[in-house]
Protein backbone atom coordinates (compact mmCIF):
# COMPACT_ATOMS: atom_id res chain seq x y z
CA MET A 1 -2.88 14.73 8.71
CA THR A 2 0.34 14.54 10.65
CA ALA A 3 3.75 14.38 9.05
CA GLU A 4 4.17 10.91 10.52
CA ARG A 5 1.05 9.62 8.78
CA LYS A 6 2.11 11.20 5.48
CA ALA A 7 5.49 9.51 5.78
CA TRP A 8 3.79 6.17 6.47
CA ARG A 9 1.53 6.57 3.44
CA LYS A 10 4.52 7.38 1.20
CA GLY A 11 6.38 4.36 2.57
CA LEU A 12 3.42 2.10 1.84
CA ALA A 13 3.21 3.54 -1.67
CA GLY A 14 6.84 2.65 -2.25
CA ARG A 15 6.36 -0.89 -0.97
CA LEU A 16 3.36 -1.32 -3.27
CA ARG A 17 5.34 -0.10 -6.28
CA THR A 18 8.20 -2.48 -5.45
CA LEU A 19 5.89 -5.47 -5.07
CA VAL A 20 3.81 -4.82 -8.16
CA GLY A 21 6.52 -3.84 -10.62
CA ARG A 22 5.82 -2.14 -13.90
CA ASN A 23 2.36 -3.37 -14.79
CA GLU A 24 0.21 -1.69 -12.16
CA ALA A 25 -2.91 -1.74 -14.33
CA GLU A 26 -2.81 -5.50 -14.75
CA PHE A 27 -2.14 -6.02 -11.06
CA ALA A 28 -5.01 -3.70 -10.11
CA ARG A 29 -7.40 -5.74 -12.22
CA GLN A 30 -6.04 -8.94 -10.67
CA ILE A 31 -6.97 -7.72 -7.19
CA GLY A 32 -10.32 -6.39 -8.37
CA ILE A 33 -9.92 -2.62 -8.40
CA GLU A 34 -9.68 0.05 -11.06
CA PRO A 35 -6.14 0.89 -12.24
CA ALA A 36 -6.71 4.60 -11.62
CA THR A 37 -7.69 3.87 -8.03
CA PHE A 38 -4.65 1.67 -7.50
CA ASN A 39 -2.48 4.45 -8.90
CA THR A 40 -3.62 6.77 -6.11
CA TYR A 41 -2.23 4.20 -3.65
CA THR A 42 1.10 3.71 -5.42
CA THR A 43 1.69 7.45 -5.70
CA GLY A 44 0.84 8.08 -2.05
CA LYS A 45 -2.11 10.35 -2.81
CA THR A 46 -4.40 8.17 -0.71
CA ALA A 47 -3.93 5.18 1.57
CA PRO A 48 -5.60 1.97 0.42
CA PRO A 49 -8.41 0.48 2.50
CA VAL A 50 -7.63 -2.60 4.55
CA TYR A 51 -9.24 -5.00 2.08
CA VAL A 52 -6.88 -3.79 -0.68
CA ILE A 53 -3.82 -4.17 1.56
CA TRP A 54 -5.00 -7.66 2.49
CA ARG A 55 -5.55 -8.59 -1.16
CA VAL A 56 -2.11 -7.30 -2.17
CA SER A 57 -0.63 -9.43 0.59
CA GLN A 58 -2.52 -12.50 -0.63
CA VAL A 59 -1.57 -12.11 -4.28
CA THR A 60 2.09 -11.19 -3.77
CA GLY A 61 2.78 -13.43 -0.78
CA CYS A 62 4.19 -10.46 1.12
CA ASP A 63 3.70 -10.70 4.87
CA LEU A 64 0.87 -8.37 5.86
CA ASN A 65 2.89 -6.83 8.69
CA VAL A 66 5.80 -6.07 6.39
CA LEU A 67 3.48 -4.58 3.80
CA VAL A 68 1.75 -2.33 6.31
CA ALA A 69 4.66 -1.27 8.50
CA GLY A 70 7.76 -2.05 6.50
CA SER A 71 9.56 -1.76 9.78
CA ALA A 72 8.45 -0.84 13.27
CA ARG A 73 10.03 2.55 12.75
CA GLU A 74 7.69 3.41 9.86
CA ALA A 75 4.43 2.47 11.60
CA PRO A 76 2.52 5.57 12.73
CA ALA A 77 1.91 6.01 16.44
CA GLY A 78 -1.70 5.33 17.30
CA GLY A 79 -2.25 3.08 14.29
CA VAL A 80 -3.30 3.78 10.75
CA GLN A 81 -6.39 5.79 9.92
């Protein structure tokens, strides 16, 4: 994995933590995933699949583009894998 992709994943993790707040376990259940799995996304260990990003966007009202890219500068070249 390139440094750029790692940086993107960490940025996404930070945006998730900001959106969700303190009760990650409750939020994870609300979007239909296990809290331990959601924790891997909020710590940047793994990137969430598209359906999780979409669900977070739906529940929080955060624009999907902002959630994924934060800013154009953070989006990895060649897209997200």
